[in-house]
């Protein structure tokens, strides 16, 4: 298996998660041996996408796409629209047989730029709300994939059982379709529960501190949506919110591990494995439009007891009884 990695981001997100991508650079096989070429676009160089990609590669190997049969070209562009579009165009020029996009922005860029090349998307929050697909039954076009949507109302109810909340603050990025979709979903869920929502747009890293400050004096809880900019600042968000005794909730994978009080998380392994199954079948001749859009089957409600202690709140039995993971 041949892997080439190209990156336009020189300031790498230096976490252990990126080590998962490093192994992709090592291969003894020359590029001309590959029968098929798969192009990869990651919305950002985040551990969640690297983890999903690890399981994508395992699924491809199960279908026999290893030992020099497959060339994989990985693009980790800067998280902005121009870089996403450029990555898609490069993969088309390099002759990708299938393009796999992690995250809604990368998927949207691929769909706009690559013409008839099949696209498989993974870790996309609500493919319909983001405009990627018109139906969960079939895209009707040359793409397919797996949704990362989980019920935000479940997350809100969990934190409501821990403490009373009336105003929810939302940190989101207007540059990322998935983040915008989560803001809309939060507003719908909050309306059902009689809560108000205050939102703050974090379109660039330098806006995070001011956006967070604008919320902390006005809200009882902070919801951190899934975006590259906001995700990178999660630990800082948690620390500043804790100083105000404001809990943080999120659907970002490993959010509770990083200090959020409650998180509702998809399985990155499932996201990558399903994308791999779809991509392998497409390389064998199946029409992408024949696939339904997959939905998450493994979802974890995670509670962080350490954070609860810092905030001075007790976690009631009804919350612990439904949690699938408790961090002590």
Protein backbone atom coordinates (compact mmCIF):
# COMPACT_ATOMS: atom_id res chain seq x y z
CA UNK A 1 0.00 0.00 0.00
CA UNK A 2 1.39 3.36 -1.02
CA UNK A 3 0.57 6.49 0.92
CA UNK A 4 1.42 10.08 0.17
CA UNK A 5 0.59 12.83 2.61
CA UNK A 6 0.39 16.46 1.58
CA UNK A 7 -0.27 19.23 4.07
CA UNK A 8 -0.76 22.98 3.75
CA UNK A 9 -0.80 23.44 7.52
CA UNK A 10 2.66 24.00 8.96
CA UNK A 11 1.41 24.44 12.51
CA UNK A 12 0.37 20.89 13.27
CA UNK A 13 -2.02 20.10 16.09
CA UNK A 14 0.58 18.40 18.27
CA UNK A 15 -1.35 15.71 20.07
CA UNK A 16 -0.95 11.98 20.33
CA UNK A 17 -3.77 11.64 17.82
CA UNK A 18 -1.57 12.85 15.00
CA UNK A 19 0.74 9.92 15.56
CA UNK A 20 -2.03 7.82 14.06
CA UNK A 21 -1.37 9.53 10.74
CA UNK A 22 2.39 9.07 10.85
CA UNK A 23 2.33 5.39 9.98
CA UNK A 24 0.63 6.24 6.69
CA UNK A 25 3.88 7.75 5.41
CA UNK A 26 5.78 4.45 5.54
CA UNK A 27 5.50 2.00 2.68
CA UNK A 28 8.00 -0.11 0.75
CA UNK A 29 5.90 -0.20 -2.45
CA UNK A 30 6.46 2.15 -5.40
CA UNK A 31 3.48 4.18 -6.57
CA UNK A 32 3.35 2.54 -10.01
CA UNK A 33 2.32 -0.80 -8.46
CA UNK A 34 -1.00 0.53 -7.21
CA UNK A 35 -4.13 -0.63 -9.01
CA UNK A 36 -6.36 2.04 -7.45
CA UNK A 37 -5.88 5.53 -6.06
CA UNK A 38 -7.87 6.85 -3.09
CA UNK A 39 -7.68 10.52 -2.21
CA UNK A 40 -8.28 11.65 1.38
CA UNK A 41 -9.28 15.15 2.52
CA UNK A 42 -9.42 15.90 6.23
CA UNK A 43 -11.28 19.07 7.18
CA UNK A 44 -8.47 19.74 9.67
CA UNK A 45 -5.53 17.91 11.21
CA UNK A 46 -7.55 16.73 14.20
CA UNK A 47 -7.07 13.43 16.07
CA UNK A 48 -10.72 12.47 15.45
CA UNK A 49 -10.16 12.32 11.70
CA UNK A 50 -6.85 10.49 12.05
CA UNK A 51 -8.53 7.91 14.29
CA UNK A 52 -11.38 7.39 11.80
CA UNK A 53 -8.86 7.11 8.97
CA UNK A 54 -6.98 4.37 10.81
CA UNK A 55 -10.12 2.25 10.77
CA UNK A 56 -10.83 3.20 7.16
CA UNK A 57 -7.45 1.74 6.21
CA UNK A 58 -8.17 -1.44 8.16
CA UNK A 59 -11.48 -1.87 6.31
CA UNK A 60 -9.74 -1.41 2.96
CA UNK A 61 -7.15 -4.04 3.91
CA UNK A 62 -9.93 -6.50 4.78
CA UNK A 63 -11.16 -6.10 1.21
CA UNK A 64 -7.72 -6.89 -0.18
CA UNK A 65 -6.62 -3.33 -0.87
CA UNK A 66 -3.13 -3.59 0.54
CA UNK A 67 0.24 -5.02 -0.48
CA UNK A 68 0.71 -2.46 -3.22
CA UNK A 69 -2.79 -2.62 -4.71
CA UNK A 70 -3.78 0.79 -3.36
CA UNK A 71 -2.21 4.24 -3.35
CA UNK A 72 -3.58 6.61 -0.72
CA UNK A 73 -2.99 10.35 -1.04
CA UNK A 74 -3.79 12.21 2.18
CA UNK A 75 -4.53 15.94 2.18
CA UNK A 76 -4.66 17.85 5.48
CA UNK A 77 -5.19 21.44 4.33
CA UNK A 78 -5.57 24.55 6.42
CA UNK A 79 -9.17 24.71 7.70
CA UNK A 80 -10.48 27.30 5.24
CA UNK A 81 -12.64 27.11 2.08
CA UNK A 82 -9.86 27.89 -0.38
CA UNK A 83 -7.58 25.18 1.00
CA UNK A 84 -10.39 22.60 1.05
CA UNK A 85 -11.22 23.36 -2.59
CA UNK A 86 -7.56 23.25 -3.65
CA UNK A 87 -7.12 19.84 -2.01
CA UNK A 88 -10.11 18.45 -3.90
CA UNK A 89 -8.78 19.77 -7.21
CA UNK A 90 -5.35 18.26 -6.55
CA UNK A 91 -6.83 14.84 -5.88
CA UNK A 92 -8.81 15.03 -9.10
CA UNK A 93 -5.67 16.00 -11.02
CA UNK A 94 -3.75 13.10 -9.43
CA UNK A 95 -6.32 10.64 -10.76
CA UNK A 96 -8.13 9.54 -7.61
CA UNK A 97 -10.62 6.74 -8.25
CA UNK A 98 -12.48 7.59 -5.02
CA UNK A 99 -12.24 10.58 -2.70
CA UNK A 100 -12.91 10.15 1.02
CA UNK A 101 -13.75 13.33 2.95
CA UNK A 102 -13.69 13.59 6.74
CA UNK A 103 -15.99 16.35 7.99
CA UNK A 104 -18.69 18.40 6.26
CA UNK A 105 -16.44 21.20 4.90
CA UNK A 106 -14.12 18.72 3.17
CA UNK A 107 -17.09 16.78 1.82
CA UNK A 108 -18.78 19.89 0.43
CA UNK A 109 -15.55 21.01 -1.23
CA UNK A 110 -15.10 17.59 -2.86
CA UNK A 111 -18.66 17.53 -4.15
CA UNK A 112 -18.28 20.98 -5.70
CA UNK A 113 -14.86 20.44 -7.25
CA UNK A 114 -14.35 16.90 -8.48
CA UNK A 115 -17.00 16.26 -11.10
CA UNK A 116 -17.82 12.57 -11.53
CA UNK A 117 -15.31 11.06 -9.10
CA UNK A 118 -17.18 9.09 -6.38
CA UNK A 119 -17.02 10.73 -2.97
CA UNK A 120 -17.41 8.92 0.36
CA UNK A 121 -17.96 11.18 3.36
CA UNK A 122 -17.40 10.38 7.03
CA UNK A 123 -18.00 12.23 10.29
CA UNK A 124 -20.54 14.62 8.77
CA UNK A 125 -23.08 16.03 11.20
CA UNK A 126 -26.49 15.84 9.47
CA UNK A 127 -25.81 15.38 5.73
CA UNK A 128 -29.22 16.85 4.90
CA UNK A 129 -28.94 20.00 7.04
CA UNK A 130 -25.44 20.65 5.70
CA UNK A 131 -26.66 20.33 2.10
CA UNK A 132 -24.61 17.27 1.27
CA UNK A 133 -27.54 14.94 0.57
CA UNK A 134 -31.24 15.40 -0.08
CA UNK A 135 -32.17 12.04 1.40
CA UNK A 136 -30.86 9.50 3.91
CA UNK A 137 -32.08 6.70 1.62
CA UNK A 138 -29.74 7.63 -1.21
CA UNK A 139 -27.86 10.70 -2.38
CA UNK A 140 -29.04 9.98 -5.91
CA UNK A 141 -25.62 11.08 -7.14
CA UNK A 142 -21.97 9.97 -7.10
CA UNK A 143 -21.50 10.07 -3.35
CA UNK A 144 -22.42 8.29 -0.14
CA UNK A 145 -21.22 8.08 3.44
CA UNK A 146 -22.00 8.01 7.13
CA UNK A 147 -23.64 10.66 9.28
CA UNK A 148 -22.30 11.71 12.68
CA UNK A 149 -25.60 13.13 13.89
CA UNK A 150 -26.71 12.27 17.41
CA UNK A 151 -29.63 13.83 19.34
CA UNK A 152 -28.57 17.09 20.94
CA UNK A 153 -31.72 17.07 23.04
CA UNK A 154 -30.38 13.98 24.86
CA UNK A 155 -27.25 15.93 25.76
CA UNK A 156 -29.25 18.88 27.08
CA UNK A 157 -31.56 16.68 29.14
CA UNK A 158 -28.56 14.99 30.73
CA UNK A 159 -27.10 18.28 31.93
CA UNK A 160 -30.57 19.45 33.05
CA UNK A 161 -30.76 16.42 35.31
CA UNK A 162 -27.48 17.52 36.91
CA UNK A 163 -28.28 21.20 37.45
CA UNK A 164 -30.90 23.74 36.45
CA UNK A 165 -30.14 25.62 33.25
CA UNK A 166 -32.12 28.33 31.51
CA UNK A 167 -29.63 29.84 29.06
CA UNK A 168 -27.32 27.81 26.83
CA UNK A 169 -24.30 29.42 25.18
CA UNK A 170 -23.14 27.98 21.86
CA UNK A 171 -19.64 28.35 20.45
CA UNK A 172 -19.70 27.64 16.72
CA UNK A 173 -17.91 28.52 13.48
CA UNK A 174 -19.79 30.06 10.58
CA UNK A 175 -17.09 28.68 8.24
CA UNK A 176 -18.02 25.03 8.92
CA UNK A 177 -21.33 23.62 7.77
CA UNK A 178 -21.48 20.94 10.47
CA UNK A 179 -20.98 23.50 13.21
CA UNK A 180 -23.74 25.70 11.80
CA UNK A 181 -26.05 22.67 11.57
CA UNK A 182 -25.43 21.91 15.25
CA UNK A 183 -26.28 25.48 16.20
CA UNK A 184 -29.60 25.15 14.38
CA UNK A 185 -30.29 21.80 16.04
CA UNK A 186 -29.46 23.26 19.46
CA UNK A 187 -31.92 26.10 18.90
CA UNK A 188 -34.67 23.64 17.94
CA UNK A 189 -33.99 21.42 20.96
CA UNK A 190 -33.80 24.39 23.33
CA UNK A 191 -37.15 25.69 22.06
CA UNK A 192 -38.75 22.33 22.90
CA UNK A 193 -37.35 22.51 26.43
CA UNK A 194 -38.13 26.17 27.04
CA UNK A 195 -34.50 27.30 27.08
CA UNK A 196 -32.89 30.34 25.49
CA UNK A 197 -29.78 30.15 23.31
CA UNK A 198 -26.98 32.68 23.07
CA UNK A 199 -24.49 32.00 20.27
CA UNK A 200 -21.00 33.30 19.53
CA UNK A 201 -19.25 32.85 16.20
CA UNK A 202 -15.60 31.75 16.32
CA UNK A 203 -14.50 32.07 12.70
CA UNK A 204 -10.78 32.22 13.60
CA UNK A 205 -8.63 31.25 16.62
CA UNK A 206 -8.10 34.85 17.68
CA UNK A 207 -11.86 35.25 18.19
CA UNK A 208 -12.20 32.42 20.71
CA UNK A 209 -11.38 34.30 23.90
CA UNK A 210 -13.65 37.24 23.16
CA UNK A 211 -16.50 34.97 22.03
CA UNK A 212 -16.22 32.90 25.21
CA UNK A 213 -16.08 36.00 27.41
CA UNK A 214 -19.23 37.32 25.77
CA UNK A 215 -21.10 34.17 26.80
CA UNK A 216 -19.83 33.35 30.27
CA UNK A 217 -21.58 36.22 32.02
CA UNK A 218 -24.92 35.39 30.38
CA UNK A 219 -25.34 31.61 30.31
CA UNK A 220 -25.72 28.59 32.62
CA UNK A 221 -24.03 26.13 30.27
CA UNK A 222 -21.65 26.22 27.28
CA UNK A 223 -22.22 23.94 24.30
CA UNK A 224 -19.09 23.51 22.17
CA UNK A 225 -19.98 22.60 18.60
CA UNK A 226 -17.78 20.57 16.31
CA UNK A 227 -15.38 22.83 14.41
CA UNK A 228 -11.63 22.82 13.91
CA UNK A 229 -11.14 26.23 15.54
CA UNK A 230 -13.32 25.57 18.58
CA UNK A 231 -12.18 21.98 19.09
CA UNK A 232 -8.55 23.02 19.35
CA UNK A 233 -9.43 25.40 22.17
CA UNK A 234 -11.57 22.99 24.17
CA UNK A 235 -9.26 22.70 27.18
CA UNK A 236 -9.04 26.49 27.44
CA UNK A 237 -12.82 26.76 27.17
CA UNK A 238 -13.27 24.19 29.94
CA UNK A 239 -10.82 25.95 32.25
CA UNK A 240 -12.33 29.40 31.81
CA UNK A 241 -15.88 28.06 32.14
CA UNK A 242 -14.95 26.19 35.32
CA UNK A 243 -13.72 29.45 36.86
CA UNK A 244 -17.28 30.75 36.38
CA UNK A 245 -18.80 27.42 37.57
CA UNK A 246 -20.33 26.95 34.11
CA UNK A 247 -20.46 23.38 32.77
CA UNK A 248 -19.30 22.58 29.24
CA UNK A 249 -21.09 20.01 27.10
CA UNK A 250 -20.23 18.80 23.60
CA UNK A 251 -20.45 16.13 20.92
CA UNK A 252 -16.76 16.36 20.07
CA UNK A 253 -15.16 12.90 20.45
CA UNK A 254 -13.18 12.73 23.71
CA UNK A 255 -14.73 16.01 24.92
CA UNK A 256 -15.41 14.58 28.37
CA UNK A 257 -11.87 13.19 28.51
CA UNK A 258 -10.69 16.73 27.84
CA UNK A 259 -12.78 18.20 30.65
CA UNK A 260 -16.37 18.63 29.45
CA UNK A 261 -18.93 17.68 32.09
CA UNK A 262 -21.07 15.63 29.69
CA UNK A 263 -20.49 14.56 26.11
CA UNK A 264 -22.49 12.55 23.58
CA UNK A 265 -20.01 10.95 21.20
CA UNK A 266 -20.04 8.94 18.01
CA UNK A 267 -17.50 6.16 17.45
CA UNK A 268 -14.61 7.28 15.26
CA UNK A 269 -13.85 3.61 14.61
CA UNK A 270 -17.36 3.07 13.24
CA UNK A 271 -17.14 6.21 11.10
CA UNK A 272 -13.92 5.07 9.48
CA UNK A 273 -14.92 1.44 9.08
CA UNK A 274 -18.20 2.25 7.30
CA UNK A 275 -16.42 4.68 4.97
CA UNK A 276 -13.92 1.94 4.19
CA UNK A 277 -16.64 -0.58 3.38
CA UNK A 278 -18.33 1.89 1.04
CA UNK A 279 -15.08 2.90 -0.67
CA UNK A 280 -14.00 -0.73 -1.20
CA UNK A 281 -17.35 -1.63 -2.77
CA UNK A 282 -17.18 1.41 -5.05
CA UNK A 283 -13.70 0.43 -6.23
CA UNK A 284 -15.17 -2.99 -7.08
CA UNK A 285 -17.80 -1.35 -9.29
CA UNK A 286 -20.79 -0.54 -7.08
CA UNK A 287 -22.68 2.70 -7.79
CA UNK A 288 -22.39 5.17 -4.89
CA UNK A 289 -26.04 6.15 -5.34
CA UNK A 290 -27.08 2.59 -4.39
CA UNK A 291 -25.94 3.12 -0.78
CA UNK A 292 -28.12 4.58 1.92
CA UNK A 293 -26.54 7.21 4.16
CA UNK A 294 -25.41 5.29 7.24
CA UNK A 295 -26.25 6.53 10.73
CA UNK A 296 -24.25 5.99 13.95
CA UNK A 297 -25.02 2.75 15.76
CA UNK A 298 -22.51 3.23 18.58
CA UNK A 299 -23.04 6.40 20.64
CA UNK A 300 -21.62 7.05 24.11
CA UNK A 301 -22.99 9.34 26.79
CA UNK A 302 -19.92 10.21 28.86
CA UNK A 303 -19.89 11.91 32.28
CA UNK A 304 -16.76 13.37 33.87
CA UNK A 305 -16.93 13.05 37.66
CA UNK A 306 -13.68 14.99 38.11
CA UNK A 307 -15.21 17.98 36.36
CA UNK A 308 -18.37 17.63 38.43
CA UNK A 309 -16.26 17.94 41.58
CA UNK A 310 -14.54 21.07 40.26
CA UNK A 311 -17.93 22.60 39.46
CA UNK A 312 -19.37 21.59 42.81
CA UNK A 313 -22.25 19.58 41.38
CA UNK A 314 -23.52 16.11 42.19
CA UNK A 315 -24.25 13.62 39.43
CA UNK A 316 -27.65 12.02 40.16
CA UNK A 317 -28.24 8.30 39.79
CA UNK A 318 -30.54 8.72 36.78
CA UNK A 319 -27.69 10.28 34.81
CA UNK A 320 -25.13 7.69 35.87
CA UNK A 321 -27.56 4.89 35.02
CA UNK A 322 -27.83 5.99 31.37
CA UNK A 323 -24.17 6.97 30.93
CA UNK A 324 -22.16 4.44 28.93
CA UNK A 325 -18.89 5.78 30.30
CA UNK A 326 -18.02 7.53 33.57
CA UNK A 327 -14.66 9.26 34.06
CA UNK A 328 -13.64 9.10 37.73
